[in-house]
Amino acid sequence: MSMQNHLNELERRHSALNREIEKELVHPSSDEVKVTELKRKKLLLKDEIAKLRCAPKTLH
């Protein structure tokens, strides 16, 4: 998998988590533990995306 494809997949997963968090928060009986875990996963993905964007490009 190329670096760009990997980055695109991480961004897709980040967006999906964001939608899932929003969906969970709409429910009056939303599970705070679940929301917190989803937010933690989203933050980890955001950090990984940032690292990949800042990583020096290697020459092939």
PDB file of N, CA and C in Angstrom:
ATOM      1  N   MET A   1       0.855  -1.174   0.000  1.00  0.00           N
ATOM      2  CA  MET A   1       0.000   0.000   0.000  1.00  0.00           C
ATOM      3  C   MET A   1       0.897   1.232   0.000  1.00  0.00           C
ATOM      4  N   SER A   2       0.607   2.161  -0.888  1.00  0.00           N
ATOM      5  CA  SER A   2       1.410   3.378  -0.942  1.00  0.00           C
ATOM      6  C   SER A   2       1.102   4.269   0.259  1.00  0.00           C
ATOM      7  N   MET A   3       2.000   5.194   0.503  1.00  0.00           N
ATOM      8  CA  MET A   3       1.835   6.120   1.627  1.00  0.00           C
ATOM      9  C   MET A   3       0.540   6.916   1.472  1.00  0.00           C
ATOM     10  N   GLN A   4       0.254   7.369   0.249  1.00  0.00           N
ATOM     11  CA  GLN A   4      -0.955   8.164   0.010  1.00  0.00           C
ATOM     12  C   GLN A   4      -2.203   7.323   0.234  1.00  0.00           C
ATOM     13  N   ASN A   5      -2.189   6.083  -0.212  1.00  0.00           N
ATOM     14  CA  ASN A   5      -3.343   5.208   0.010  1.00  0.00           C
ATOM     15  C   ASN A   5      -3.558   4.962   1.500  1.00  0.00           C
ATOM     16  N   HIS A   6      -2.464   4.764   2.221  1.00  0.00           N
ATOM     17  CA  HIS A   6      -2.553   4.552   3.671  1.00  0.00           C
ATOM     18  C   HIS A   6      -3.127   5.799   4.349  1.00  0.00           C
ATOM     19  N   LEU A   7      -2.657   6.953   3.946  1.00  0.00           N
ATOM     20  CA  LEU A   7      -3.151   8.210   4.494  1.00  0.00           C
ATOM     21  C   LEU A   7      -4.638   8.390   4.181  1.00  0.00           C
ATOM     22  N   ASN A   8      -5.039   8.075   2.971  1.00  0.00           N
ATOM     23  CA  ASN A   8      -6.449   8.170   2.590  1.00  0.00           C
ATOM     24  C   ASN A   8      -7.314   7.240   3.433  1.00  0.00           C
ATOM     25  N   GLU A   9      -6.831   6.037   3.690  1.00  0.00           N
ATOM     26  CA  GLU A   9      -7.577   5.076   4.506  1.00  0.00           C
ATOM     27  C   GLU A   9      -7.712   5.583   5.945  1.00  0.00           C
ATOM     28  N   LEU A  10      -6.637   6.132   6.493  1.00  0.00           N
ATOM     29  CA  LEU A  10      -6.701   6.686   7.852  1.00  0.00           C
ATOM     30  C   LEU A  10      -7.693   7.844   7.922  1.00  0.00           C
ATOM     31  N   GLU A  11      -7.692   8.694   6.917  1.00  0.00           N
ATOM     32  CA  GLU A  11      -8.636   9.812   6.885  1.00  0.00           C
ATOM     33  C   GLU A  11     -10.074   9.322   6.756  1.00  0.00           C
ATOM     34  N   ARG A  12     -10.272   8.263   5.986  1.00  0.00           N
ATOM     35  CA  ARG A  12     -11.619   7.684   5.853  1.00  0.00           C
ATOM     36  C   ARG A  12     -12.096   7.139   7.192  1.00  0.00           C
ATOM     37  N   ARG A  13     -11.204   6.428   7.893  1.00  0.00           N
ATOM     38  CA  ARG A  13     -11.559   5.879   9.201  1.00  0.00           C
ATOM     39  C   ARG A  13     -11.825   6.990  10.218  1.00  0.00           C
ATOM     40  N   HIS A  14     -11.043   8.069  10.142  1.00  0.00           N
ATOM     41  CA  HIS A  14     -11.231   9.208  11.030  1.00  0.00           C
ATOM     42  C   HIS A  14     -12.617   9.822  10.812  1.00  0.00           C
ATOM     43  N   SER A  15     -12.998  10.002   9.563  1.00  0.00           N
ATOM     44  CA  SER A  15     -14.320  10.557   9.230  1.00  0.00           C
ATOM     45  C   SER A  15     -15.441   9.630   9.692  1.00  0.00           C
ATOM     46  N   ALA A  16     -15.241   8.333   9.523  1.00  0.00           N
ATOM     47  CA  ALA A  16     -16.252   7.361   9.951  1.00  0.00           C
ATOM     48  C   ALA A  16     -16.435   7.411  11.461  1.00  0.00           C
ATOM     49  N   LEU A  17     -15.342   7.542  12.199  1.00  0.00           N
ATOM     50  CA  LEU A  17     -15.452   7.657  13.653  1.00  0.00           C
ATOM     51  C   LEU A  17     -16.176   8.936  14.035  1.00  0.00           C
ATOM     52  N   ASN A  18     -15.899  10.006  13.333  1.00  0.00           N
ATOM     53  CA  ASN A  18     -16.576  11.266  13.610  1.00  0.00           C
ATOM     54  C   ASN A  18     -18.089  11.126  13.416  1.00  0.00           C
ATOM     55  N   ARG A  19     -18.484  10.473  12.335  1.00  0.00           N
ATOM     56  CA  ARG A  19     -19.912  10.258  12.087  1.00  0.00           C
ATOM     57  C   ARG A  19     -20.524   9.374  13.166  1.00  0.00           C
ATOM     58  N   GLU A  20     -19.797   8.359  13.597  1.00  0.00           N
ATOM     59  CA  GLU A  20     -20.293   7.458  14.639  1.00  0.00           C
ATOM     60  C   GLU A  20     -20.459   8.197  15.969  1.00  0.00           C
ATOM     61  N   ILE A  21     -19.519   9.078  16.287  1.00  0.00           N
ATOM     62  CA  ILE A  21     -19.621   9.870  17.513  1.00  0.00           C
ATOM     63  C   ILE A  21     -20.851  10.770  17.450  1.00  0.00           C
ATOM     64  N   GLU A  22     -21.028  11.453  16.338  1.00  0.00           N
ATOM     65  CA  GLU A  22     -22.186  12.336  16.178  1.00  0.00           C
ATOM     66  C   GLU A  22     -23.488  11.552  16.293  1.00  0.00           C
ATOM     67  N   LYS A  23     -23.515  10.393  15.680  1.00  0.00           N
ATOM     68  CA  LYS A  23     -24.705   9.536  15.729  1.00  0.00           C
ATOM     69  C   LYS A  23     -25.006   9.109  17.174  1.00  0.00           C
ATOM     70  N   GLU A  24     -23.972   8.764  17.910  1.00  0.00           N
ATOM     71  CA  GLU A  24     -24.139   8.323  19.299  1.00  0.00           C
ATOM     72  C   GLU A  24     -24.624   9.478  20.176  1.00  0.00           C
ATOM     73  N   LEU A  25     -24.115  10.678  19.940  1.00  0.00           N
ATOM     74  CA  LEU A  25     -24.485  11.828  20.766  1.00  0.00           C
ATOM     75  C   LEU A  25     -25.924  12.288  20.549  1.00  0.00           C
ATOM     76  N   VAL A  26     -26.510  11.944  19.412  1.00  0.00           N
ATOM     77  CA  VAL A  26     -27.895  12.324  19.119  1.00  0.00           C
ATOM     78  C   VAL A  26     -28.867  11.572  20.021  1.00  0.00           C
ATOM     79  N   HIS A  27     -28.517  10.360  20.388  1.00  0.00           N
ATOM     80  CA  HIS A  27     -29.399   9.545  21.219  1.00  0.00           C
ATOM     81  C   HIS A  27     -29.446  10.084  22.643  1.00  0.00           C
ATOM     82  N   PRO A  28     -30.644  10.185  23.194  1.00  0.00           N
ATOM     83  CA  PRO A  28     -30.764  10.690  24.572  1.00  0.00           C
ATOM     84  C   PRO A  28     -30.076   9.779  25.595  1.00  0.00           C
ATOM     85  N   SER A  29     -29.979   8.526  25.286  1.00  0.00           N
ATOM     86  CA  SER A  29     -29.347   7.585  26.222  1.00  0.00           C
ATOM     87  C   SER A  29     -27.970   7.161  25.714  1.00  0.00           C
ATOM     88  N   SER A  30     -27.211   8.139  25.205  1.00  0.00           N
ATOM     89  CA  SER A  30     -25.895   7.803  24.663  1.00  0.00           C
ATOM     90  C   SER A  30     -24.976   7.292  25.769  1.00  0.00           C
ATOM     91  N   ASP A  31     -24.133   6.364  25.392  1.00  0.00           N
ATOM     92  CA  ASP A  31     -23.207   5.722  26.317  1.00  0.00           C
ATOM     93  C   ASP A  31     -21.925   6.549  26.379  1.00  0.00           C
ATOM     94  N   GLU A  32     -21.697   7.215  27.512  1.00  0.00           N
ATOM     95  CA  GLU A  32     -20.527   8.088  27.658  1.00  0.00           C
ATOM     96  C   GLU A  32     -19.213   7.323  27.521  1.00  0.00           C
ATOM     97  N   VAL A  33     -19.179   6.100  28.001  1.00  0.00           N
ATOM     98  CA  VAL A  33     -17.960   5.296  27.897  1.00  0.00           C
ATOM     99  C   VAL A  33     -17.659   5.004  26.427  1.00  0.00           C
ATOM    100  N   LYS A  34     -18.708   4.661  25.677  1.00  0.00           N
ATOM    101  CA  LYS A  34     -18.528   4.379  24.252  1.00  0.00           C
ATOM    102  C   LYS A  34     -18.070   5.636  23.513  1.00  0.00           C
ATOM    103  N   VAL A  35     -18.684   6.774  23.815  1.00  0.00           N
ATOM    104  CA  VAL A  35     -18.326   8.029  23.164  1.00  0.00           C
ATOM    105  C   VAL A  35     -16.866   8.383  23.477  1.00  0.00           C
ATOM    106  N   THR A  36     -16.479   8.215  24.715  1.00  0.00           N
ATOM    107  CA  THR A  36     -15.100   8.501  25.113  1.00  0.00           C
ATOM    108  C   THR A  36     -14.115   7.604  24.377  1.00  0.00           C
ATOM    109  N   GLU A  37     -14.442   6.335  24.247  1.00  0.00           N
ATOM    110  CA  GLU A  37     -13.570   5.396  23.538  1.00  0.00           C
ATOM    111  C   GLU A  37     -13.479   5.759  22.053  1.00  0.00           C
ATOM    112  N   LEU A  38     -14.599   6.133  21.450  1.00  0.00           N
ATOM    113  CA  LEU A  38     -14.590   6.538  20.042  1.00  0.00           C
ATOM    114  C   LEU A  38     -13.736   7.793  19.847  1.00  0.00           C
ATOM    115  N   LYS A  39     -13.853   8.744  20.772  1.00  0.00           N
ATOM    116  CA  LYS A  39     -13.062   9.964  20.684  1.00  0.00           C
ATOM    117  C   LYS A  39     -11.570   9.657  20.843  1.00  0.00           C
ATOM    118  N   ARG A  40     -11.241   8.718  21.711  1.00  0.00           N
ATOM    119  CA  ARG A  40      -9.838   8.328  21.903  1.00  0.00           C
ATOM    120  C   ARG A  40      -9.275   7.720  20.617  1.00  0.00           C
ATOM    121  N   LYS A  41     -10.057   6.844  19.989  1.00  0.00           N
ATOM    122  CA  LYS A  41      -9.624   6.230  18.725  1.00  0.00           C
ATOM    123  C   LYS A  41      -9.451   7.288  17.635  1.00  0.00           C
ATOM    124  N   LYS A  42     -10.387   8.233  17.598  1.00  0.00           N
ATOM    125  CA  LYS A  42     -10.320   9.294  16.597  1.00  0.00           C
ATOM    126  C   LYS A  42      -9.065  10.136  16.798  1.00  0.00           C
ATOM    127  N   LEU A  43      -8.730  10.450  18.044  1.00  0.00           N
ATOM    128  CA  LEU A  43      -7.538  11.226  18.339  1.00  0.00           C
ATOM    129  C   LEU A  43      -6.268  10.472  17.951  1.00  0.00           C
ATOM    130  N   LEU A  44      -6.234   9.168  18.204  1.00  0.00           N
ATOM    131  CA  LEU A  44      -5.076   8.365  17.809  1.00  0.00           C
ATOM    132  C   LEU A  44      -4.886   8.393  16.288  1.00  0.00           C
ATOM    133  N   LEU A  45      -5.998   8.289  15.561  1.00  0.00           N
ATOM    134  CA  LEU A  45      -5.916   8.359  14.097  1.00  0.00           C
ATOM    135  C   LEU A  45      -5.423   9.736  13.649  1.00  0.00           C
ATOM    136  N   LYS A  46      -5.937  10.785  14.294  1.00  0.00           N
ATOM    137  CA  LYS A  46      -5.513  12.137  13.946  1.00  0.00           C
ATOM    138  C   LYS A  46      -4.007  12.299  14.150  1.00  0.00           C
ATOM    139  N   ASP A  47      -3.493  11.777  15.255  1.00  0.00           N
ATOM    140  CA  ASP A  47      -2.061  11.846  15.530  1.00  0.00           C
ATOM    141  C   ASP A  47      -1.258  11.086  14.478  1.00  0.00           C
ATOM    142  N   GLU A  48      -1.742   9.905  14.095  1.00  0.00           N
ATOM    143  CA  GLU A  48      -1.038   9.110  13.087  1.00  0.00           C
ATOM    144  C   GLU A  48      -1.038   9.822  11.734  1.00  0.00           C
ATOM    145  N   ILE A  49      -2.169  10.429  11.387  1.00  0.00           N
ATOM    146  CA  ILE A  49      -2.264  11.185  10.128  1.00  0.00           C
ATOM    147  C   ILE A  49      -1.274  12.341  10.137  1.00  0.00           C
ATOM    148  N   ALA A  50      -1.208  13.060  11.248  1.00  0.00           N
ATOM    149  CA  ALA A  50      -0.290  14.198  11.357  1.00  0.00           C
ATOM    150  C   ALA A  50       1.161  13.746  11.223  1.00  0.00           C
ATOM    151  N   LYS A  51       1.506  12.625  11.840  1.00  0.00           N
ATOM    152  CA  LYS A  51       2.874  12.112  11.738  1.00  0.00           C
ATOM    153  C   LYS A  51       3.220  11.763  10.297  1.00  0.00           C
ATOM    154  N   LEU A  52       2.299  11.135   9.599  1.00  0.00           N
ATOM    155  CA  LEU A  52       2.554  10.755   8.209  1.00  0.00           C
ATOM    156  C   LEU A  52       2.698  11.976   7.313  1.00  0.00           C
ATOM    157  N   ARG A  53       1.904  12.989   7.574  1.00  0.00           N
ATOM    158  CA  ARG A  53       1.989  14.213   6.752  1.00  0.00           C
ATOM    159  C   ARG A  53       3.305  14.945   6.976  1.00  0.00           C
ATOM    160  N   CYS A  54       3.855  14.842   8.185  1.00  0.00           N
ATOM    161  CA  CYS A  54       5.095  15.549   8.520  1.00  0.00           C
ATOM    162  C   CYS A  54       6.334  14.722   8.236  1.00  0.00           C
ATOM    163  N   ALA A  55       6.155  13.445   7.956  1.00  0.00           N
ATOM    164  CA  ALA A  55       7.297  12.557   7.728  1.00  0.00           C
ATOM    165  C   ALA A  55       8.026  12.971   6.456  1.00  0.00           C
ATOM    166  N   PRO A  56       9.346  12.937   6.488  1.00  0.00           N
ATOM    167  CA  PRO A  56      10.098  13.284   5.275  1.00  0.00           C
ATOM    168  C   PRO A  56       9.822  12.253   4.173  1.00  0.00           C
ATOM    169  N   LYS A  57       9.742  12.737   2.976  1.00  0.00           N
ATOM    170  CA  LYS A  57       9.508  11.857   1.829  1.00  0.00           C
ATOM    171  C   LYS A  57      10.800  11.130   1.483  1.00  0.00           C
ATOM    172  N   THR A  58      10.690   9.827   1.273  1.00  0.00           N
ATOM    173  CA  THR A  58      11.876   9.055   0.909  1.00  0.00           C
ATOM    174  C   THR A  58      11.975   8.956  -0.606  1.00  0.00           C
ATOM    175  N   LEU A  59      13.182   8.941  -1.104  1.00  0.00           N
ATOM    176  CA  LEU A  59      13.401   8.816  -2.540  1.00  0.00           C
ATOM    177  C   LEU A  59      13.520   7.352  -2.893  1.00  0.00           C
ATOM    178  N   HIS A  60      12.915   6.977  -3.993  1.00  0.00           N
ATOM    179  CA  HIS A  60      12.982   5.585  -4.453  1.00  0.00           C
ATOM    180  C   HIS A  60      13.781   5.500  -5.714  1.00  0.00           C
TER     181      HIS A  60
END
